[in-house]
C-alpha cells in the first residue's frame, strides 16, 4: 500500500517513474473498489486518498505538457 503523495514529490520523478506510479495507484484503486463491492474494505478513506493521488499525478503530467512545471533534468531548471 502506497502513502499519499505530494505534488513536490512528483516533481522529482521523470515521466517513466510517473507512469509507474500512476499504474500502481490505478491498480490499488481497482483492488480497493473490488474490496468495497464484496464488503471486505476496512479503510474507506484510502479510496479517497488513492483517487486524489491519481488526480495529482495527472495534474503534474498535464502541467509538464503545458510547460507550467518542468521535468527533472530539463534545461528550464537552470534559469531559476
N, C-alpha and C. Protein backbone atom coordinates (compact mmCIF):
# COMPACT_ATOMS: atom_id res chain seq x y z
N UNK A 1 0.84 -1.18 0.00
CA UNK A 1 0.00 0.00 0.00
C UNK A 1 0.88 1.25 0.00
N UNK A 2 0.64 2.13 -0.94
CA UNK A 2 1.42 3.35 -1.07
C UNK A 2 0.88 4.44 -0.15
N UNK A 3 1.73 5.38 0.20
CA UNK A 3 1.28 6.51 1.00
C UNK A 3 0.84 7.64 0.07
N UNK A 4 0.10 8.58 0.61
CA UNK A 4 -0.34 9.73 -0.18
C UNK A 4 0.89 10.49 -0.67
N UNK A 5 0.83 10.93 -1.91
CA UNK A 5 1.96 11.64 -2.49
C UNK A 5 1.68 13.14 -2.51
N UNK A 6 2.73 13.90 -2.43
CA UNK A 6 2.63 15.35 -2.52
C UNK A 6 3.10 15.77 -3.90
N UNK A 7 2.63 16.91 -4.36
CA UNK A 7 2.99 17.38 -5.70
C UNK A 7 4.49 17.61 -5.82
N UNK A 8 5.13 18.13 -4.77
CA UNK A 8 6.57 18.38 -4.86
C UNK A 8 7.36 17.07 -4.93
N UNK A 9 6.80 15.98 -4.40
CA UNK A 9 7.46 14.68 -4.53
C UNK A 9 7.37 14.19 -5.97
N UNK A 10 6.24 14.47 -6.62
CA UNK A 10 6.05 14.06 -8.01
C UNK A 10 6.94 14.87 -8.95
N UNK A 11 7.27 16.10 -8.57
CA UNK A 11 8.15 16.93 -9.39
C UNK A 11 9.51 16.30 -9.58
N UNK A 12 9.93 15.49 -8.62
CA UNK A 12 11.26 14.89 -8.67
C UNK A 12 11.31 13.65 -9.56
N UNK A 13 10.14 13.15 -9.98
CA UNK A 13 10.09 11.93 -10.79
C UNK A 13 10.13 12.26 -12.28
N UNK A 14 10.76 11.39 -13.06
CA UNK A 14 10.72 11.56 -14.51
C UNK A 14 9.44 10.94 -15.06
N UNK A 15 9.22 11.05 -16.35
CA UNK A 15 7.97 10.61 -16.97
C UNK A 15 7.74 9.10 -16.78
N UNK A 16 8.80 8.32 -16.87
CA UNK A 16 8.66 6.86 -16.73
C UNK A 16 8.25 6.50 -15.31
N UNK A 17 8.86 7.15 -14.32
CA UNK A 17 8.51 6.88 -12.93
C UNK A 17 7.09 7.33 -12.62
N UNK A 18 6.67 8.45 -13.22
CA UNK A 18 5.30 8.92 -13.03
C UNK A 18 4.30 7.91 -13.59
N UNK A 19 4.60 7.37 -14.77
CA UNK A 19 3.72 6.36 -15.36
C UNK A 19 3.62 5.13 -14.46
N UNK A 20 4.75 4.72 -13.89
CA UNK A 20 4.76 3.56 -13.00
C UNK A 20 3.93 3.85 -11.75
N UNK A 21 4.10 5.05 -11.20
CA UNK A 21 3.35 5.44 -10.00
C UNK A 21 1.85 5.48 -10.31
N UNK A 22 1.49 5.98 -11.50
CA UNK A 22 0.09 6.05 -11.90
C UNK A 22 -0.49 4.64 -12.05
N UNK A 23 0.27 3.75 -12.68
CA UNK A 23 -0.19 2.38 -12.87
C UNK A 23 -0.43 1.70 -11.52
N UNK A 24 0.49 1.90 -10.57
CA UNK A 24 0.34 1.31 -9.24
C UNK A 24 -0.89 1.85 -8.53
N UNK A 25 -1.12 3.15 -8.64
CA UNK A 25 -2.26 3.77 -7.98
C UNK A 25 -3.58 3.28 -8.58
N UNK A 26 -3.62 3.15 -9.90
CA UNK A 26 -4.83 2.65 -10.55
C UNK A 26 -5.10 1.21 -10.16
N UNK A 27 -4.04 0.43 -10.05
CA UNK A 27 -4.18 -0.97 -9.63
C UNK A 27 -4.71 -1.05 -8.20
N UNK A 28 -4.17 -0.19 -7.34
CA UNK A 28 -4.64 -0.18 -5.95
C UNK A 28 -6.10 0.27 -5.88
N UNK A 29 -6.47 1.26 -6.69
CA UNK A 29 -7.86 1.72 -6.71
C UNK A 29 -8.79 0.60 -7.15
N UNK A 30 -8.39 -0.15 -8.16
CA UNK A 30 -9.19 -1.28 -8.61
C UNK A 30 -9.39 -2.28 -7.49
N UNK A 31 -8.31 -2.61 -6.79
CA UNK A 31 -8.39 -3.57 -5.69
C UNK A 31 -9.28 -3.06 -4.56
N UNK A 32 -9.15 -1.76 -4.26
CA UNK A 32 -9.98 -1.18 -3.20
C UNK A 32 -11.46 -1.19 -3.58
N UNK A 33 -11.76 -0.88 -4.83
CA UNK A 33 -13.14 -0.90 -5.30
C UNK A 33 -13.70 -2.32 -5.25
N UNK A 34 -12.87 -3.28 -5.60
CA UNK A 34 -13.29 -4.68 -5.55
C UNK A 34 -13.60 -5.08 -4.11
N UNK A 35 -12.72 -4.68 -3.19
CA UNK A 35 -12.94 -4.98 -1.78
C UNK A 35 -14.22 -4.31 -1.27
N UNK A 36 -14.47 -3.09 -1.70
CA UNK A 36 -15.68 -2.37 -1.28
C UNK A 36 -16.93 -3.08 -1.79
N UNK A 37 -16.87 -3.58 -3.01
CA UNK A 37 -18.03 -4.24 -3.61
C UNK A 37 -18.33 -5.56 -2.91
N UNK A 38 -17.29 -6.22 -2.39
CA UNK A 38 -17.50 -7.51 -1.74
C UNK A 38 -17.62 -7.39 -0.22
N UNK A 39 -17.59 -6.14 0.28
CA UNK A 39 -17.75 -5.92 1.71
C UNK A 39 -16.52 -6.22 2.53
N UNK A 40 -15.37 -6.28 1.92
CA UNK A 40 -14.14 -6.60 2.63
C UNK A 40 -13.28 -5.38 2.94
N UNK A 41 -13.71 -4.20 2.49
CA UNK A 41 -12.90 -2.99 2.64
C UNK A 41 -12.91 -2.53 4.09
N UNK A 42 -11.73 -2.31 4.65
CA UNK A 42 -11.60 -1.86 6.04
C UNK A 42 -11.46 -0.35 6.12
N UNK A 43 -10.73 0.24 5.18
CA UNK A 43 -10.45 1.67 5.23
C UNK A 43 -11.07 2.38 4.03
N UNK A 44 -12.23 2.98 4.23
CA UNK A 44 -12.88 3.69 3.14
C UNK A 44 -12.16 4.99 2.80
N UNK A 45 -11.43 5.54 3.75
CA UNK A 45 -10.67 6.76 3.49
C UNK A 45 -9.56 6.53 2.49
N UNK A 46 -9.08 5.32 2.41
CA UNK A 46 -8.00 5.01 1.48
C UNK A 46 -8.46 5.15 0.04
N UNK A 47 -9.73 4.84 -0.24
CA UNK A 47 -10.28 5.03 -1.58
C UNK A 47 -10.14 6.49 -2.02
N UNK A 48 -10.53 7.38 -1.14
CA UNK A 48 -10.47 8.81 -1.44
C UNK A 48 -9.02 9.27 -1.65
N UNK A 49 -8.12 8.79 -0.80
CA UNK A 49 -6.71 9.17 -0.90
C UNK A 49 -6.11 8.72 -2.23
N UNK A 50 -6.41 7.50 -2.64
CA UNK A 50 -5.86 6.97 -3.89
C UNK A 50 -6.41 7.74 -5.09
N UNK A 51 -7.70 8.07 -5.05
CA UNK A 51 -8.28 8.87 -6.14
C UNK A 51 -7.60 10.23 -6.25
N UNK A 52 -7.33 10.85 -5.11
CA UNK A 52 -6.66 12.15 -5.12
C UNK A 52 -5.22 12.03 -5.62
N UNK A 53 -4.55 10.94 -5.26
CA UNK A 53 -3.19 10.71 -5.75
C UNK A 53 -3.18 10.59 -7.27
N UNK A 54 -4.15 9.86 -7.82
CA UNK A 54 -4.24 9.70 -9.27
C UNK A 54 -4.46 11.05 -9.93
N UNK A 55 -5.35 11.84 -9.37
CA UNK A 55 -5.62 13.17 -9.92
C UNK A 55 -4.38 14.06 -9.85
N UNK A 56 -3.63 13.94 -8.76
CA UNK A 56 -2.42 14.74 -8.58
C UNK A 56 -1.37 14.36 -9.63
N UNK A 57 -1.24 13.07 -9.92
CA UNK A 57 -0.29 12.61 -10.92
C UNK A 57 -0.69 13.13 -12.30
N UNK A 58 -1.98 13.01 -12.64
CA UNK A 58 -2.46 13.53 -13.91
C UNK A 58 -2.21 15.03 -14.03
N UNK A 59 -2.38 15.76 -12.94
CA UNK A 59 -2.16 17.21 -12.95
C UNK A 59 -0.70 17.53 -13.25
N UNK A 60 0.21 16.83 -12.60
CA UNK A 60 1.64 17.08 -12.83
C UNK A 60 2.01 16.76 -14.28
N UNK A 61 1.49 15.66 -14.81
CA UNK A 61 1.77 15.29 -16.20
C UNK A 61 1.27 16.37 -17.14
N UNK A 62 0.03 16.84 -16.93
CA UNK A 62 -0.56 17.85 -17.80
C UNK A 62 0.17 19.18 -17.70
N UNK A 63 0.57 19.57 -16.49
CA UNK A 63 1.30 20.82 -16.32
C UNK A 63 2.65 20.77 -17.00
N UNK A 64 3.27 19.60 -17.01
CA UNK A 64 4.53 19.46 -17.75
C UNK A 64 4.30 19.61 -19.24
N UNK A 65 3.19 19.06 -19.74
CA UNK A 65 2.88 19.19 -21.17
C UNK A 65 2.69 20.66 -21.54
N UNK A 66 2.08 21.42 -20.65
CA UNK A 66 1.79 22.83 -20.92
C UNK A 66 2.98 23.74 -20.60
N UNK A 67 4.02 23.18 -19.98
CA UNK A 67 5.20 23.98 -19.65
C UNK A 67 5.08 24.72 -18.34
N UNK A 68 4.08 24.42 -17.54
CA UNK A 68 3.91 25.06 -16.24
C UNK A 68 4.91 24.50 -15.24
N UNK A 69 5.11 23.19 -15.29
CA UNK A 69 6.11 22.52 -14.46
C UNK A 69 7.21 22.01 -15.37
N UNK A 70 8.37 21.82 -14.79
CA UNK A 70 9.46 21.26 -15.57
C UNK A 70 9.81 19.88 -15.06
N UNK A 71 10.18 19.01 -15.96
CA UNK A 71 10.60 17.66 -15.60
C UNK A 71 12.01 17.73 -15.03
N UNK A 72 12.38 16.79 -14.17
CA UNK A 72 13.74 16.80 -13.61
C UNK A 72 14.77 16.64 -14.71
N UNK A 73 15.84 17.43 -14.61
CA UNK A 73 16.91 17.34 -15.59
C UNK A 73 16.68 18.15 -16.85
N UNK A 74 15.57 18.89 -16.92
CA UNK A 74 15.32 19.68 -18.12
C UNK A 74 16.12 20.99 -18.03
N UNK A 75 16.28 21.65 -19.15
CA UNK A 75 17.12 22.85 -19.21
C UNK A 75 16.47 24.05 -18.54
N UNK A 76 15.15 24.04 -18.33
CA UNK A 76 14.47 25.17 -17.71
C UNK A 76 14.84 25.36 -16.26
N UNK A 77 15.32 24.32 -15.60
CA UNK A 77 15.70 24.45 -14.19
C UNK A 77 16.94 25.33 -14.02
N UNK A 78 17.78 25.42 -15.04
CA UNK A 78 18.97 26.23 -14.95
C UNK A 78 18.65 27.72 -14.90
N UNK A 79 17.48 28.10 -15.43
CA UNK A 79 17.11 29.51 -15.48
C UNK A 79 16.60 30.04 -14.16
N UNK A 80 16.24 29.14 -13.24
CA UNK A 80 15.65 29.59 -11.96
C UNK A 80 16.62 30.32 -11.10
